[in-house]
Amino acid sequence: MAHGLLICFEGIDGVGKTTASASLASILSEAGWPTVCLSYKDTSHESPHIARRLLKLSELIWGYDPEEPVHEFGDRHWLHLMASWFAVFDQSKVEPLLADGCVLVVDGWYHKFLARYRVKQSFDFHEARRCFENITVPDLVVLLDAIPEQIVGRRPSYTRGETGCFDGLDGRNANNYTAYQGQVREALLGFASAAGNWLVLPGDLPPDDVVHRLATACAARLGGQQGVQTDCASM
């Protein structure tokens, strides 16, 4: 049985990863490829036990009150909590779909989270990177690259995580969003330049051009995968 392909999107907060991933998945599906589009925060699963575990982890990671002082738990707590999420998400959702020969398109992976640790001044980045070293490596990472100034006007509000409030900045405002996301962007570009499986697309491209370039890049990678199976049940 042919192994599937994992295509993941990355980029700073608000760049449009979810929209782009859905568009790409639709094009690949229409072209006849057995495609599944997933959100990396998806908690659904055919096993109720795994679904409950995913839901509990999701609530711990993303379900806290905006005013809760979650920074008091410390960077290491959040690092291992997120690593735990990706471990179960990867094993229970991604690996089975790839084993079935699916082309799996995900609207994010662990790289943005890791980029946030890259810009921390008082944390060992190598420790953070080791926590994700056994997670599935995507066949293609698509970095939608935009400077924060291109995005800031689209957002009516900001979270503390998006504005660097856990990394020395004070206030959920546009200036902090721009400053912090600029640092995260530079870290992501560094990851892209060091890897051979990243495609960097300018964030100011018209949506149709983005989809066209993605379809072309994916076609090149899918060209040798004509034996991909079609047994791709959603999980």
Protein backbone atom coordinates (compact mmCIF):
# COMPACT_ATOMS: atom_id res chain seq x y z
CA MET A 1 0.00 0.00 0.00
CA ALA A 2 1.37 3.40 -0.98
CA HIS A 3 2.08 5.83 1.82
CA GLY A 4 0.25 9.13 1.79
CA LEU A 5 1.62 12.66 1.87
CA LEU A 6 1.44 15.24 4.64
CA ILE A 7 1.17 18.88 3.57
CA CYS A 8 1.16 21.46 6.38
CA PHE A 9 0.72 25.21 6.39
CA GLU A 10 2.66 27.59 8.60
CA GLY A 11 2.78 31.33 9.08
CA ILE A 12 2.23 34.00 11.68
CA ASP A 13 -1.14 34.39 13.40
CA GLY A 14 -3.84 35.61 11.02
CA VAL A 15 -2.02 35.00 7.74
CA GLY A 16 -4.74 32.77 6.30
CA LYS A 17 -3.53 29.20 6.82
CA THR A 18 -6.99 27.72 7.35
CA THR A 19 -8.44 29.30 4.21
CA ALA A 20 -5.48 28.30 2.07
CA SER A 21 -5.45 24.72 3.32
CA ALA A 22 -9.15 24.27 2.56
CA SER A 23 -8.67 25.69 -0.96
CA LEU A 24 -5.71 23.42 -1.67
CA ALA A 25 -7.52 20.34 -0.35
CA SER A 26 -10.50 21.11 -2.56
CA ILE A 27 -8.31 21.40 -5.66
CA LEU A 28 -6.46 18.16 -4.92
CA SER A 29 -9.72 16.35 -4.26
CA GLU A 30 -11.25 17.61 -7.51
CA ALA A 31 -8.13 16.39 -9.32
CA GLY A 32 -8.84 12.89 -8.06
CA TRP A 33 -6.40 12.63 -5.16
CA PRO A 34 -7.74 11.04 -1.95
CA THR A 35 -7.49 14.17 0.14
CA VAL A 36 -8.36 14.90 3.75
CA CYS A 37 -8.27 18.45 5.17
CA LEU A 38 -7.69 18.72 8.92
CA SER A 39 -7.36 21.47 11.45
CA TYR A 40 -4.45 20.80 13.78
CA LYS A 41 -6.82 21.66 16.64
CA ASP A 42 -9.44 19.09 15.60
CA THR A 43 -10.64 16.95 18.51
CA SER A 44 -12.93 14.56 16.63
CA HIS A 45 -12.14 10.84 16.43
CA GLU A 46 -14.00 7.60 15.78
CA SER A 47 -12.75 6.33 19.13
CA PRO A 48 -14.67 8.07 21.96
CA HIS A 49 -11.73 7.49 24.30
CA ILE A 50 -9.29 9.30 22.02
CA ALA A 51 -11.84 12.02 21.29
CA ARG A 52 -12.25 12.68 25.03
CA ARG A 53 -8.48 12.84 25.49
CA LEU A 54 -8.09 15.26 22.59
CA LEU A 55 -10.91 17.41 23.95
CA LYS A 56 -9.37 17.55 27.42
CA LEU A 57 -5.98 18.51 26.03
CA SER A 58 -7.57 21.11 23.78
CA GLU A 59 -9.37 22.70 26.72
CA LEU A 60 -6.14 22.84 28.71
CA ILE A 61 -4.17 24.41 25.87
CA TRP A 62 -6.66 26.74 24.18
CA GLY A 63 -9.68 26.89 26.48
CA TYR A 64 -8.43 29.13 29.29
CA ASP A 65 -10.01 32.45 30.25
CA PRO A 66 -8.26 35.37 28.47
CA GLU A 67 -7.57 37.01 31.83
CA GLU A 68 -6.23 33.90 33.55
CA PRO A 69 -2.52 34.31 34.50
CA VAL A 70 -1.47 31.22 32.55
CA HIS A 71 2.11 32.49 32.29
CA GLU A 72 2.49 31.54 35.95
CA PHE A 73 2.56 27.86 34.93
CA GLY A 74 5.86 28.44 33.15
CA ASP A 75 7.24 27.86 29.66
CA ARG A 76 8.19 24.25 30.32
CA HIS A 77 4.62 23.36 31.31
CA TRP A 78 3.24 24.75 28.03
CA LEU A 79 6.01 23.13 26.01
CA HIS A 80 5.23 19.64 27.28
CA LEU A 81 1.49 20.18 27.13
CA MET A 82 1.73 21.12 23.45
CA ALA A 83 4.13 18.26 22.76
CA SER A 84 1.58 15.91 24.35
CA TRP A 85 -1.12 17.29 22.06
CA PHE A 86 0.90 16.70 18.91
CA ALA A 87 1.97 13.24 20.08
CA VAL A 88 -1.62 12.00 20.38
CA PHE A 89 -2.85 13.99 17.36
CA ASP A 90 -0.06 12.58 15.21
CA GLN A 91 -0.42 8.98 16.33
CA SER A 92 -4.21 8.80 16.39
CA LYS A 93 -5.14 10.96 13.38
CA VAL A 94 -2.21 11.71 11.08
CA GLU A 95 -0.34 8.40 10.97
CA PRO A 96 -3.44 6.26 10.22
CA LEU A 97 -4.53 8.56 7.38
CA LEU A 98 -1.05 8.50 5.87
CA ALA A 99 -0.94 4.71 6.20
CA ASP A 100 -4.20 4.58 4.22
CA GLY A 101 -2.54 6.54 1.42
CA CYS A 102 -4.28 9.87 1.94
CA VAL A 103 -3.01 13.25 0.91
CA LEU A 104 -3.44 15.02 4.24
CA VAL A 105 -3.61 18.82 4.30
CA VAL A 106 -3.33 20.41 7.76
CA ASP A 107 -3.74 24.11 8.52
CA GLY A 108 -0.79 24.19 10.92
CA TRP A 109 1.85 22.02 12.54
CA TYR A 110 4.18 22.48 15.49
CA HIS A 111 6.57 24.89 13.76
CA LYS A 112 4.80 28.12 14.73
CA PHE A 113 4.72 27.03 18.36
CA LEU A 114 8.40 26.08 18.15
CA ALA A 115 9.17 29.46 16.57
CA ARG A 116 7.76 31.13 19.68
CA TYR A 117 10.30 29.21 21.73
CA ARG A 118 13.01 30.22 19.30
CA VAL A 119 12.48 33.88 20.20
CA LYS A 120 12.42 33.34 23.96
CA GLN A 121 15.52 34.82 25.53
CA SER A 122 15.65 32.64 28.64
CA PHE A 123 14.75 29.17 27.35
CA ASP A 124 16.95 26.49 25.80
CA PHE A 125 15.61 26.17 22.25
CA HIS A 126 17.25 22.75 21.84
CA GLU A 127 15.12 21.44 24.69
CA ALA A 128 12.01 22.68 22.93
CA ARG A 129 13.02 21.19 19.59
CA ARG A 130 13.71 17.77 21.12
CA CYS A 131 10.10 17.58 22.33
CA PHE A 132 8.87 17.38 18.73
CA GLU A 133 11.63 15.35 17.11
CA ASN A 134 9.49 12.18 16.85
CA ILE A 135 6.43 13.89 15.34
CA THR A 136 5.79 13.10 11.67
CA VAL A 137 7.88 15.27 9.35
CA PRO A 138 5.68 16.80 6.62
CA ASP A 139 6.44 16.06 2.98
CA LEU A 140 5.77 19.73 2.28
CA VAL A 141 5.54 22.72 4.63
CA VAL A 142 3.95 25.77 3.02
CA LEU A 143 5.02 28.99 4.73
CA LEU A 144 2.61 31.80 3.94
CA ASP A 145 5.04 34.63 4.53
CA ALA A 146 3.63 38.04 5.34
CA ILE A 147 4.99 40.91 7.37
CA PRO A 148 2.73 41.64 10.37
CA GLU A 149 1.86 45.08 8.99
CA GLN A 150 0.04 43.33 6.13
CA ILE A 151 -2.23 41.52 8.58
CA VAL A 152 -2.71 43.79 11.56
CA GLY A 153 -5.60 45.70 10.00
CA ARG A 154 -7.63 42.52 9.49
CA ARG A 155 -7.82 41.65 13.17
CA PRO A 156 -10.42 43.23 15.47
CA SER A 157 -8.67 41.95 18.61
CA TYR A 158 -5.58 40.10 19.79
CA THR A 159 -4.78 37.41 22.31
CA ARG A 160 -1.93 37.62 24.80
CA GLY A 161 -0.13 34.84 22.96
CA GLU A 162 -0.36 36.72 19.66
CA THR A 163 1.02 39.92 21.19
CA GLY A 164 4.00 38.49 23.06
CA CYS A 165 2.57 39.07 26.53
CA PHE A 166 4.19 35.80 27.68
CA ASP A 167 7.55 37.03 26.38
CA GLY A 168 8.03 40.44 27.90
CA LEU A 169 5.53 42.63 26.04
CA ASP A 170 2.66 44.27 27.89
CA GLY A 171 -0.74 44.78 26.30
CA ARG A 172 -2.94 43.18 23.65
CA ASN A 173 -2.55 45.87 21.02
CA ALA A 174 -1.53 46.32 17.40
CA ASN A 175 1.99 47.54 18.18
CA ASN A 176 2.80 44.47 20.27
CA TYR A 177 1.20 42.18 17.68
CA THR A 178 3.42 43.68 14.98
CA ALA A 179 6.58 43.52 17.07
CA TYR A 180 6.09 39.98 18.34
CA GLN A 181 4.80 38.46 15.11
CA GLY A 182 7.80 39.98 13.33
CA GLN A 183 10.10 37.95 15.59
CA VAL A 184 8.07 34.77 15.02
CA ARG A 185 8.18 35.37 11.27
CA GLU A 186 11.97 35.62 11.30
CA ALA A 187 12.18 32.34 13.22
CA LEU A 188 9.90 30.62 10.70
CA LEU A 189 11.98 31.94 7.80
CA GLY A 190 15.04 30.52 9.54
CA PHE A 191 13.37 27.12 9.75
CA ALA A 192 12.48 27.33 6.06
CA SER A 193 16.02 28.18 4.97
CA ALA A 194 17.44 25.26 6.95
CA ALA A 195 15.04 22.66 5.55
CA GLY A 196 14.52 21.18 2.12
CA ASN A 197 10.81 20.53 2.38
CA TRP A 198 9.50 24.10 2.79
CA LEU A 199 7.83 26.26 0.16
CA VAL A 200 7.77 29.98 0.99
CA LEU A 201 5.02 32.01 -0.67
CA PRO A 202 4.78 35.81 -0.35
CA GLY A 203 1.86 36.81 1.83
CA ASP A 204 0.78 39.61 -0.53
CA LEU A 205 0.07 37.27 -3.44
CA PRO A 206 -3.55 37.27 -4.67
CA PRO A 207 -5.39 34.19 -3.36
CA ASP A 208 -5.70 32.69 -6.86
CA ASP A 209 -1.93 32.93 -7.35
CA VAL A 210 -1.30 31.28 -3.99
CA VAL A 211 -3.57 28.38 -4.87
CA HIS A 212 -2.00 28.04 -8.34
CA ARG A 213 1.54 27.90 -6.95
CA LEU A 214 0.51 25.42 -4.30
CA ALA A 215 -1.21 23.19 -6.83
CA THR A 216 1.90 23.24 -9.01
CA ALA A 217 4.21 22.38 -6.11
CA CYS A 218 1.92 19.60 -4.91
CA ALA A 219 1.58 18.15 -8.39
CA ALA A 220 5.35 17.77 -8.54
CA ARG A 221 5.37 15.85 -5.27
CA LEU A 222 2.30 13.80 -6.14
CA GLY A 223 3.61 12.85 -9.55
CA GLY A 224 5.42 9.82 -8.16
CA GLN A 225 2.50 8.78 -5.97
CA GLN A 226 0.12 7.33 -8.56
CA GLY A 227 -0.42 4.30 -6.34
CA VAL A 228 -1.98 6.35 -3.53
CA GLN A 229 -4.96 4.50 -2.13
CA THR A 230 -8.46 5.90 -1.66
CA ASP A 231 -9.41 4.40 1.70
CA CYS A 232 -9.43 7.74 3.54
CA ALA A 233 -12.09 7.85 6.21
CA SER A 234 -12.26 11.06 8.24
CA MET A 235 -11.09 10.63 11.81
